N, C-alpha and C. Protein backbone atom coordinates (compact mmCIF):
# COMPACT_ATOMS: atom_id res chain seq x y z
N MET A 1 179.94 -69.79 21.62
CA MET A 1 178.57 -69.30 21.58
C MET A 1 178.39 -68.71 20.17
N VAL A 2 179.34 -67.97 19.61
CA VAL A 2 179.11 -67.52 18.28
C VAL A 2 178.99 -68.42 17.32
N LYS A 3 179.88 -69.57 17.39
CA LYS A 3 179.84 -70.62 16.45
C LYS A 3 178.43 -71.27 16.55
N ASP A 4 177.78 -71.51 17.60
CA ASP A 4 176.36 -71.87 17.77
C ASP A 4 175.44 -71.19 16.98
N TRP A 5 175.64 -69.84 16.99
CA TRP A 5 174.53 -68.91 16.18
C TRP A 5 174.82 -69.14 14.88
N HIS A 6 175.97 -69.25 14.31
CA HIS A 6 176.29 -69.49 12.85
C HIS A 6 175.71 -70.80 12.48
N ILE A 7 176.16 -71.97 13.27
CA ILE A 7 175.68 -73.22 12.92
C ILE A 7 174.18 -73.34 12.87
N LEU A 8 173.33 -72.69 13.85
CA LEU A 8 172.01 -72.63 13.75
C LEU A 8 171.53 -72.05 12.59
N PHE A 9 172.03 -70.73 12.32
CA PHE A 9 171.69 -69.89 11.11
C PHE A 9 171.78 -70.72 9.86
N LEU A 10 172.93 -71.34 9.63
CA LEU A 10 173.21 -72.18 8.46
C LEU A 10 172.36 -73.35 8.30
N MET A 11 171.96 -74.03 9.36
CA MET A 11 171.14 -75.19 9.48
C MET A 11 169.74 -74.66 8.97
N LEU A 12 169.21 -73.64 9.48
CA LEU A 12 168.00 -73.04 9.12
C LEU A 12 167.95 -72.64 7.57
N ILE A 13 168.92 -71.95 7.18
CA ILE A 13 168.91 -71.61 5.89
C ILE A 13 168.83 -72.82 4.93
N SER A 14 169.75 -73.80 5.29
CA SER A 14 169.77 -75.06 4.56
C SER A 14 168.41 -75.83 4.53
N LEU A 15 167.85 -75.81 5.64
CA LEU A 15 166.52 -76.51 5.62
C LEU A 15 165.42 -75.71 4.75
N MET A 16 165.53 -74.35 4.88
CA MET A 16 164.58 -73.54 4.18
C MET A 16 164.78 -73.79 2.55
N THR A 17 166.10 -73.82 2.12
CA THR A 17 166.38 -73.94 0.78
C THR A 17 166.23 -75.29 0.21
N SER A 18 166.28 -76.38 1.06
CA SER A 18 166.30 -77.78 0.57
C SER A 18 165.01 -78.38 0.48
N CYS A 19 163.92 -77.78 1.35
CA CYS A 19 162.65 -78.38 1.45
C CYS A 19 161.85 -78.22 0.22
N GLY A 20 161.13 -79.12 -0.18
CA GLY A 20 160.11 -78.75 -1.29
C GLY A 20 159.97 -80.19 -2.16
N ALA A 21 159.11 -80.17 -3.09
CA ALA A 21 158.90 -81.35 -3.95
C ALA A 21 160.14 -81.55 -4.74
N PRO A 22 160.66 -82.76 -4.92
CA PRO A 22 161.77 -83.08 -5.73
C PRO A 22 161.59 -82.87 -7.13
N ASN A 23 160.45 -82.96 -7.68
CA ASN A 23 160.12 -82.78 -9.18
C ASN A 23 159.96 -81.41 -9.51
N ARG A 24 159.95 -80.45 -8.67
CA ARG A 24 159.75 -78.93 -9.03
C ARG A 24 160.96 -78.43 -9.24
N GLU A 25 161.01 -77.41 -10.27
CA GLU A 25 162.29 -76.73 -10.53
C GLU A 25 162.50 -75.75 -9.49
N ASN A 26 163.68 -75.32 -9.18
CA ASN A 26 163.88 -74.36 -8.22
C ASN A 26 163.14 -72.93 -8.64
N GLN A 27 162.53 -72.43 -7.92
CA GLN A 27 161.87 -71.13 -8.19
C GLN A 27 162.32 -70.06 -7.08
N PRO A 28 162.56 -68.84 -7.57
CA PRO A 28 162.95 -67.91 -6.63
C PRO A 28 161.81 -67.75 -5.61
N ILE A 29 162.29 -67.45 -4.44
CA ILE A 29 161.06 -67.19 -3.29
C ILE A 29 160.85 -65.66 -3.37
N GLY A 30 159.61 -65.43 -2.96
CA GLY A 30 159.17 -64.04 -3.04
C GLY A 30 159.68 -63.31 -1.86
N ASP A 31 159.55 -61.97 -1.85
CA ASP A 31 160.02 -61.07 -0.76
C ASP A 31 159.23 -61.46 0.59
N LYS A 32 157.92 -61.75 0.55
CA LYS A 32 157.13 -61.98 1.73
C LYS A 32 157.64 -63.37 2.29
N GLN A 33 157.85 -64.37 1.43
CA GLN A 33 158.36 -65.72 1.92
C GLN A 33 159.68 -65.54 2.51
N LEU A 34 160.68 -64.67 1.94
CA LEU A 34 161.91 -64.54 2.33
C LEU A 34 161.95 -63.78 3.72
N ARG A 35 160.98 -62.84 3.82
CA ARG A 35 160.84 -62.16 5.08
C ARG A 35 160.51 -63.05 6.14
N ASN A 36 159.48 -63.87 5.91
CA ASN A 36 158.94 -64.80 6.81
C ASN A 36 160.09 -65.86 7.43
N TYR A 37 160.93 -66.32 6.38
CA TYR A 37 161.96 -67.21 6.79
C TYR A 37 163.00 -66.45 7.77
N LEU A 38 163.28 -65.27 7.36
CA LEU A 38 164.25 -64.52 8.17
C LEU A 38 163.78 -64.19 9.60
N GLU A 39 162.51 -63.78 9.67
CA GLU A 39 161.86 -63.55 10.86
C GLU A 39 161.83 -64.73 11.89
N SER A 40 161.53 -65.88 11.19
CA SER A 40 161.55 -67.07 11.84
C SER A 40 162.94 -67.44 12.52
N ALA A 41 163.97 -67.30 11.65
CA ALA A 41 165.30 -67.57 11.97
C ALA A 41 165.69 -66.57 13.15
N ASN A 42 165.35 -65.25 13.08
CA ASN A 42 165.62 -64.38 14.06
C ASN A 42 164.98 -64.74 15.33
N ARG A 43 163.78 -65.09 15.26
CA ARG A 43 163.03 -65.49 16.70
C ARG A 43 163.73 -66.59 17.18
N ILE A 44 164.17 -67.64 16.52
CA ILE A 44 164.85 -68.66 17.11
C ILE A 44 166.16 -68.29 17.73
N LEU A 45 166.98 -67.42 17.02
CA LEU A 45 168.16 -66.84 17.67
C LEU A 45 167.95 -66.07 18.94
N ILE A 46 167.00 -65.19 18.99
CA ILE A 46 166.63 -64.49 20.20
C ILE A 46 166.19 -65.26 21.33
N GLU A 47 165.44 -66.33 21.04
CA GLU A 47 164.96 -67.17 22.07
C GLU A 47 166.14 -68.09 22.61
N SER A 48 167.11 -68.47 21.65
CA SER A 48 168.27 -69.14 22.10
C SER A 48 169.11 -68.31 23.01
N GLU A 49 169.35 -66.99 22.62
CA GLU A 49 170.15 -66.08 23.43
C GLU A 49 169.54 -65.86 24.71
N ARG A 50 168.22 -65.69 24.77
CA ARG A 50 167.42 -65.49 26.08
C ARG A 50 167.67 -66.47 27.01
N GLN A 51 167.54 -67.77 26.51
CA GLN A 51 167.75 -68.91 27.31
C GLN A 51 169.15 -69.05 27.89
N GLU A 52 170.22 -68.53 27.02
CA GLU A 52 171.57 -68.44 27.57
C GLU A 52 171.68 -67.34 28.77
N ILE A 53 171.00 -66.29 28.50
CA ILE A 53 170.93 -65.24 29.61
C ILE A 53 170.26 -65.75 30.89
N VAL A 54 169.15 -66.30 30.66
CA VAL A 54 168.45 -66.97 31.99
C VAL A 54 169.44 -67.89 32.75
N ASP A 55 170.22 -68.81 32.04
CA ASP A 55 170.99 -69.77 32.67
C ASP A 55 172.25 -68.99 33.33
N MET A 56 172.73 -68.00 32.51
CA MET A 56 173.98 -67.20 33.29
C MET A 56 173.47 -66.51 34.49
N ILE A 57 172.24 -65.94 34.50
CA ILE A 57 171.78 -65.22 35.75
C ILE A 57 171.58 -66.26 36.84
N ALA A 58 171.03 -67.41 36.53
CA ALA A 58 170.83 -68.50 37.56
C ALA A 58 172.18 -68.89 38.13
N ARG A 59 173.29 -69.04 37.21
CA ARG A 59 174.46 -69.44 37.75
C ARG A 59 175.10 -68.53 38.66
N HIS A 60 174.89 -67.15 38.43
CA HIS A 60 175.51 -66.20 39.25
C HIS A 60 174.54 -65.87 40.41
N ASN A 61 173.37 -66.48 40.32
CA ASN A 61 172.32 -66.14 41.61
C ASN A 61 171.99 -64.61 41.66
N TRP A 62 171.91 -63.96 40.38
CA TRP A 62 171.56 -62.60 40.35
C TRP A 62 170.04 -62.56 40.43
N GLN A 63 169.54 -61.52 41.11
CA GLN A 63 168.07 -61.33 41.25
C GLN A 63 167.63 -60.27 40.23
N MET A 64 167.30 -60.71 39.18
CA MET A 64 167.11 -59.61 38.01
C MET A 64 165.77 -59.71 37.51
N GLN A 65 165.39 -58.62 36.90
CA GLN A 65 163.96 -58.51 36.17
C GLN A 65 164.25 -58.28 34.82
N GLU A 66 163.23 -58.66 33.89
CA GLU A 66 163.39 -58.65 32.53
C GLU A 66 162.34 -57.42 32.06
N SER A 67 162.80 -56.53 31.29
CA SER A 67 161.88 -55.56 30.74
C SER A 67 161.10 -56.15 29.50
N GLU A 68 160.28 -55.37 28.92
CA GLU A 68 159.50 -55.72 27.68
C GLU A 68 160.38 -55.85 26.61
N THR A 69 161.48 -55.17 26.52
CA THR A 69 162.42 -55.10 25.32
C THR A 69 163.42 -56.46 25.43
N GLY A 70 163.56 -56.97 26.68
CA GLY A 70 164.50 -58.03 26.77
C GLY A 70 165.70 -57.64 27.63
N LEU A 71 165.75 -56.33 28.10
CA LEU A 71 166.84 -55.93 29.06
C LEU A 71 166.55 -56.74 30.37
N TRP A 72 167.73 -57.19 30.97
CA TRP A 72 167.64 -57.78 32.28
C TRP A 72 168.33 -56.72 33.19
N TYR A 73 167.75 -56.46 34.26
CA TYR A 73 168.38 -55.33 35.14
C TYR A 73 168.23 -55.78 36.61
N GLN A 74 169.17 -55.20 37.45
CA GLN A 74 169.14 -55.41 38.87
C GLN A 74 169.71 -54.14 39.63
N ILE A 75 168.98 -53.40 40.34
CA ILE A 75 169.62 -52.31 41.01
C ILE A 75 169.97 -52.83 42.38
N TYR A 76 171.25 -53.09 42.69
CA TYR A 76 171.63 -53.68 43.88
C TYR A 76 172.18 -52.73 44.92
N ALA A 77 172.33 -51.40 44.67
CA ALA A 77 172.53 -50.56 45.72
C ALA A 77 171.76 -49.20 45.27
N ARG A 78 170.83 -48.72 46.33
CA ARG A 78 170.03 -47.55 46.04
C ARG A 78 170.66 -46.26 46.60
N GLY A 79 170.50 -45.32 45.67
CA GLY A 79 171.16 -43.87 45.94
C GLY A 79 170.01 -43.11 46.49
N THR A 80 170.22 -41.76 46.62
CA THR A 80 169.17 -40.93 47.31
C THR A 80 168.74 -39.84 46.38
N GLY A 81 169.25 -39.84 45.14
CA GLY A 81 169.14 -38.66 44.16
C GLY A 81 167.88 -38.91 43.31
N ARG A 82 167.62 -37.99 42.51
CA ARG A 82 166.41 -38.04 41.71
C ARG A 82 166.62 -39.02 40.50
N ARG A 83 165.49 -39.36 39.94
CA ARG A 83 165.52 -40.40 38.80
C ARG A 83 165.89 -39.88 37.51
N ALA A 84 166.49 -40.62 36.70
CA ALA A 84 166.97 -40.21 35.36
C ALA A 84 165.75 -39.84 34.48
N ASN A 85 165.79 -38.97 33.57
CA ASN A 85 164.72 -38.65 32.53
C ASN A 85 165.39 -38.51 31.21
N PRO A 86 164.73 -38.76 30.18
CA PRO A 86 165.11 -38.48 28.77
C PRO A 86 165.68 -37.08 28.83
N GLY A 87 166.78 -36.81 27.94
CA GLY A 87 167.39 -35.55 27.85
C GLY A 87 168.49 -35.33 28.86
N ASP A 88 168.38 -35.84 30.09
CA ASP A 88 169.52 -35.57 31.12
C ASP A 88 170.78 -36.18 30.54
N ILE A 89 171.81 -35.41 31.14
CA ILE A 89 173.21 -35.92 30.74
C ILE A 89 173.49 -36.82 31.91
N ALA A 90 173.79 -38.12 31.63
CA ALA A 90 174.06 -39.08 32.78
C ALA A 90 175.65 -39.10 32.91
N VAL A 91 176.07 -39.16 34.05
CA VAL A 91 177.38 -39.17 34.47
C VAL A 91 177.65 -40.64 35.13
N ILE A 92 178.31 -41.43 34.51
CA ILE A 92 178.45 -42.84 35.13
C ILE A 92 179.82 -43.42 35.10
N HIS A 93 180.07 -44.33 36.15
CA HIS A 93 181.21 -45.28 36.01
C HIS A 93 180.69 -46.46 35.64
N TYR A 94 181.45 -47.17 34.84
CA TYR A 94 180.79 -48.54 34.37
C TYR A 94 182.02 -49.52 33.98
N SER A 95 181.65 -50.74 34.00
CA SER A 95 182.47 -51.82 33.39
C SER A 95 181.52 -52.70 32.47
N ILE A 96 182.13 -53.20 31.33
CA ILE A 96 181.51 -53.88 30.42
C ILE A 96 182.11 -55.30 30.29
N SER A 97 181.41 -56.47 30.55
CA SER A 97 181.91 -57.72 30.41
C SER A 97 181.14 -58.67 29.33
N LEU A 98 181.81 -59.52 28.76
CA LEU A 98 181.12 -60.48 28.04
C LEU A 98 180.34 -61.47 28.99
N ALA A 99 179.40 -62.34 28.33
CA ALA A 99 178.72 -63.29 29.13
C ALA A 99 179.67 -64.29 29.79
N THR A 100 180.87 -64.39 29.27
CA THR A 100 181.79 -65.35 29.80
C THR A 100 182.43 -64.80 31.11
N GLY A 101 182.29 -63.45 31.25
CA GLY A 101 182.83 -62.93 32.42
C GLY A 101 184.20 -62.10 32.13
N ASP A 102 184.60 -62.16 30.78
CA ASP A 102 185.70 -61.38 30.46
C ASP A 102 185.53 -59.86 30.41
N LEU A 103 186.30 -59.23 31.05
CA LEU A 103 186.14 -57.66 31.27
C LEU A 103 186.78 -57.17 29.83
N ILE A 104 185.77 -56.25 29.18
CA ILE A 104 186.23 -55.75 27.94
C ILE A 104 186.46 -54.22 27.85
N TYR A 105 185.71 -53.42 28.76
CA TYR A 105 185.82 -52.15 28.74
C TYR A 105 185.53 -51.70 30.16
N SER A 106 186.08 -50.49 30.59
CA SER A 106 185.58 -49.87 31.83
C SER A 106 185.97 -48.43 31.84
N SER A 107 185.29 -47.56 32.63
CA SER A 107 185.36 -46.28 32.64
C SER A 107 186.80 -45.89 33.44
N ASN A 108 187.29 -44.70 33.23
CA ASN A 108 188.49 -44.17 33.82
C ASN A 108 187.98 -43.63 35.13
N PRO A 109 188.33 -43.99 36.32
CA PRO A 109 187.88 -43.44 37.50
C PRO A 109 187.99 -41.93 37.66
N GLN A 110 189.04 -41.30 37.00
CA GLN A 110 189.08 -39.82 37.02
C GLN A 110 188.27 -39.03 36.00
N GLU A 111 187.82 -39.85 35.06
CA GLU A 111 187.02 -39.33 33.95
C GLU A 111 185.67 -40.10 33.63
N PRO A 112 184.64 -39.98 34.34
CA PRO A 112 183.50 -40.68 34.26
C PRO A 112 182.92 -40.35 32.83
N LYS A 113 182.11 -41.46 32.21
CA LYS A 113 181.56 -41.31 31.02
C LYS A 113 180.39 -40.45 31.07
N GLN A 114 179.99 -39.57 30.13
CA GLN A 114 178.82 -38.76 30.14
C GLN A 114 178.07 -38.92 28.81
N PHE A 115 176.90 -39.01 28.83
CA PHE A 115 176.05 -39.01 27.57
C PHE A 115 174.64 -38.41 27.86
N ARG A 116 174.10 -37.99 26.73
CA ARG A 116 172.67 -37.47 26.86
C ARG A 116 171.70 -38.74 26.71
N VAL A 117 170.91 -38.92 27.67
CA VAL A 117 170.03 -40.07 27.77
C VAL A 117 168.86 -39.79 26.70
N GLY A 118 168.68 -40.98 25.79
CA GLY A 118 167.75 -40.82 24.75
C GLY A 118 168.14 -40.27 23.46
N LYS A 119 169.32 -39.92 23.41
CA LYS A 119 169.86 -39.31 22.19
C LYS A 119 170.76 -40.32 21.38
N GLY A 120 170.88 -41.48 21.73
CA GLY A 120 171.79 -42.33 21.02
C GLY A 120 173.22 -42.20 21.44
N GLY A 121 174.13 -42.74 20.69
CA GLY A 121 175.59 -42.69 20.99
C GLY A 121 176.08 -43.76 21.96
N VAL A 122 175.20 -44.37 22.65
CA VAL A 122 175.39 -45.48 23.49
C VAL A 122 174.42 -46.78 23.13
N GLU A 123 174.71 -47.80 23.79
CA GLU A 123 173.76 -48.95 23.53
C GLU A 123 172.37 -48.58 23.92
N THR A 124 171.33 -49.21 23.25
CA THR A 124 170.02 -48.84 23.38
C THR A 124 169.66 -49.51 24.91
N GLY A 125 170.17 -50.47 25.21
CA GLY A 125 169.92 -51.28 26.54
C GLY A 125 170.53 -50.39 27.66
N LEU A 126 171.56 -49.80 27.53
CA LEU A 126 172.19 -48.89 28.57
C LEU A 126 171.28 -47.71 28.68
N GLU A 127 170.78 -47.00 27.63
CA GLU A 127 169.91 -46.08 27.81
C GLU A 127 168.65 -46.50 28.63
N GLU A 128 167.99 -47.45 28.30
CA GLU A 128 166.97 -48.07 28.94
C GLU A 128 167.23 -48.35 30.46
N GLY A 129 168.38 -48.91 30.80
CA GLY A 129 168.59 -49.19 32.01
C GLY A 129 168.90 -47.92 32.91
N ILE A 130 169.50 -46.91 32.26
CA ILE A 130 169.74 -45.72 33.04
C ILE A 130 168.48 -44.96 33.42
N LEU A 131 167.50 -45.09 32.56
CA LEU A 131 166.10 -44.50 32.88
C LEU A 131 165.36 -45.20 34.09
N LYS A 132 166.12 -46.36 34.56
CA LYS A 132 165.39 -47.09 35.75
C LYS A 132 166.29 -46.68 36.97
N MET A 133 167.23 -45.84 36.82
CA MET A 133 168.03 -45.54 37.93
C MET A 133 167.94 -44.20 38.55
N SER A 134 168.21 -43.91 39.75
CA SER A 134 168.35 -42.59 40.47
C SER A 134 169.80 -42.32 40.77
N ILE A 135 170.22 -41.18 40.94
CA ILE A 135 171.55 -40.64 41.26
C ILE A 135 172.03 -41.43 42.48
N GLY A 136 173.17 -42.11 42.38
CA GLY A 136 173.84 -42.95 43.58
C GLY A 136 173.48 -44.26 43.35
N ASP A 137 172.48 -44.75 42.56
CA ASP A 137 172.24 -46.16 42.32
C ASP A 137 173.40 -46.92 41.60
N LYS A 138 173.56 -48.23 42.03
CA LYS A 138 174.47 -49.14 41.33
C LYS A 138 173.64 -50.16 40.74
N ALA A 139 173.88 -50.62 39.49
CA ALA A 139 173.03 -51.53 38.91
C ALA A 139 173.61 -52.45 37.98
N ARG A 140 173.27 -53.53 37.65
CA ARG A 140 173.81 -54.54 36.65
C ARG A 140 172.74 -54.57 35.55
N PHE A 141 173.20 -54.60 34.37
CA PHE A 141 172.36 -54.79 33.16
C PHE A 141 172.87 -55.87 32.34
N VAL A 142 172.12 -56.82 31.87
CA VAL A 142 172.46 -57.70 30.92
C VAL A 142 171.69 -57.37 29.62
N LEU A 143 172.41 -57.03 28.56
CA LEU A 143 172.11 -56.49 27.27
C LEU A 143 172.01 -57.68 26.33
N PRO A 144 170.98 -58.29 25.79
CA PRO A 144 170.95 -59.13 24.69
C PRO A 144 171.71 -58.38 23.48
N SER A 145 172.09 -59.15 22.56
CA SER A 145 172.85 -58.56 21.36
C SER A 145 171.82 -57.49 20.70
N HIS A 146 170.56 -57.61 20.64
CA HIS A 146 169.79 -56.66 19.88
C HIS A 146 169.58 -55.39 20.72
N LEU A 147 169.96 -55.39 21.91
CA LEU A 147 169.97 -54.09 22.77
C LEU A 147 171.49 -53.50 22.91
N ALA A 148 172.50 -54.36 22.45
CA ALA A 148 173.90 -53.94 22.57
C ALA A 148 174.39 -53.61 21.27
N HIS A 149 175.27 -54.38 20.61
CA HIS A 149 175.96 -54.09 19.31
C HIS A 149 175.39 -54.94 18.14
N GLY A 150 174.54 -55.76 18.45
CA GLY A 150 173.89 -56.41 17.39
C GLY A 150 174.63 -57.48 16.57
N VAL A 151 174.42 -57.72 15.35
CA VAL A 151 175.02 -58.64 14.50
C VAL A 151 176.48 -58.36 14.30
N PRO A 152 176.90 -57.10 14.08
CA PRO A 152 178.24 -56.96 13.74
C PRO A 152 179.15 -56.82 14.96
N GLY A 153 178.61 -56.56 16.23
CA GLY A 153 179.52 -56.32 17.40
C GLY A 153 180.02 -54.83 17.17
N ASP A 154 181.04 -54.65 17.98
CA ASP A 154 181.58 -53.13 17.93
C ASP A 154 182.79 -52.97 16.91
N GLY A 155 183.20 -53.96 16.27
CA GLY A 155 184.41 -53.93 15.54
C GLY A 155 185.58 -53.95 16.23
N ALA A 156 185.53 -53.95 17.60
CA ALA A 156 186.86 -54.07 18.44
C ALA A 156 186.93 -55.29 19.20
N ARG A 157 186.32 -55.05 20.44
CA ARG A 157 186.38 -56.15 21.42
C ARG A 157 185.09 -56.83 21.65
N ILE A 158 183.95 -56.29 21.25
CA ILE A 158 182.74 -57.07 21.48
C ILE A 158 182.42 -57.80 20.11
N PRO A 159 182.32 -59.14 20.14
CA PRO A 159 181.99 -59.96 19.08
C PRO A 159 180.62 -59.73 18.55
N ALA A 160 180.40 -60.46 17.26
CA ALA A 160 179.08 -60.40 16.54
C ALA A 160 178.00 -61.09 17.68
N ARG A 161 176.89 -60.47 17.69
CA ARG A 161 175.69 -61.09 18.25
C ARG A 161 176.07 -61.38 19.86
N ALA A 162 176.95 -60.55 20.50
CA ALA A 162 177.33 -60.77 21.83
C ALA A 162 176.36 -60.18 22.86
N THR A 163 176.12 -61.10 23.95
CA THR A 163 175.43 -60.50 25.16
C THR A 163 176.43 -59.85 25.92
N ILE A 164 176.14 -58.49 26.43
CA ILE A 164 177.15 -57.99 27.36
C ILE A 164 176.50 -57.78 28.63
N VAL A 165 177.29 -57.50 29.56
CA VAL A 165 176.88 -57.31 31.05
C VAL A 165 177.50 -55.94 31.44
N TYR A 166 176.83 -54.94 31.81
CA TYR A 166 177.16 -53.67 32.33
C TYR A 166 177.11 -53.60 33.86
N ASP A 167 178.01 -53.23 34.48
CA ASP A 167 177.90 -52.82 35.87
C ASP A 167 178.08 -51.28 35.94
N VAL A 168 177.11 -50.54 36.43
CA VAL A 168 177.01 -49.17 36.36
C VAL A 168 176.79 -48.43 37.66
N GLU A 169 177.36 -47.40 37.95
CA GLU A 169 177.09 -46.46 39.05
C GLU A 169 176.74 -45.10 38.46
N LEU A 170 175.50 -44.66 38.72
CA LEU A 170 174.96 -43.25 38.33
C LEU A 170 175.47 -42.30 39.21
N LEU A 171 176.52 -41.53 38.83
CA LEU A 171 177.15 -40.49 39.77
C LEU A 171 176.32 -39.27 39.69
N ASP A 172 175.85 -38.81 38.59
CA ASP A 172 175.08 -37.55 38.62
C ASP A 172 174.15 -37.61 37.39
N LEU A 173 173.25 -36.67 37.47
CA LEU A 173 172.45 -36.27 36.22
C LEU A 173 172.47 -34.78 36.11
N LEU A 174 172.82 -34.31 34.96
CA LEU A 174 172.99 -32.92 34.70
C LEU A 174 171.80 -32.56 33.82
N ASN A 175 171.01 -31.56 34.23
CA ASN A 175 169.85 -31.13 33.52
C ASN A 175 169.93 -30.79 32.07
N ALA A 176 169.04 -31.28 31.34
CA ALA A 176 169.18 -30.76 29.81
C ALA A 176 168.89 -29.29 29.73
N GLN A 177 169.63 -28.64 29.06
CA GLN A 177 169.35 -27.20 28.74
C GLN A 177 169.31 -26.90 27.25
């Protein structure tokens, strides 16, 4: 999958730099033109990743919804507690897998992960997903790379431009103080 992204990006750059009249001297492109080329390349990569996500969801027969930002989510078990709000401290159990299904991280059952919702420190897609949950809910989130670790990955187990799948249980919400 990562090779496909690199090949697509290199092909797009090659096409952009090789097109033009053969008799013209190479002239530097302006900032606006470069920005347009890069935005076009990024749109192609995002759409390609989206299609891979749609295919993965269909293969697993997950009943998911897509948010405006591109987060895919499914709350498959409902709890009875209150809904998460920005500023709450979320207490969760989680596992993170790559789109291939390879498990890469999970929480320690004796030490759930805690983070303040909306304050960063976790993936943007995880924060967005938590805000759709109530205490006791169990959910699955598919985070495209732009809502996960982006172009560089996490520098450890999550590769560059990787789609990740979170399985989350929201154990508690501690009030912001």
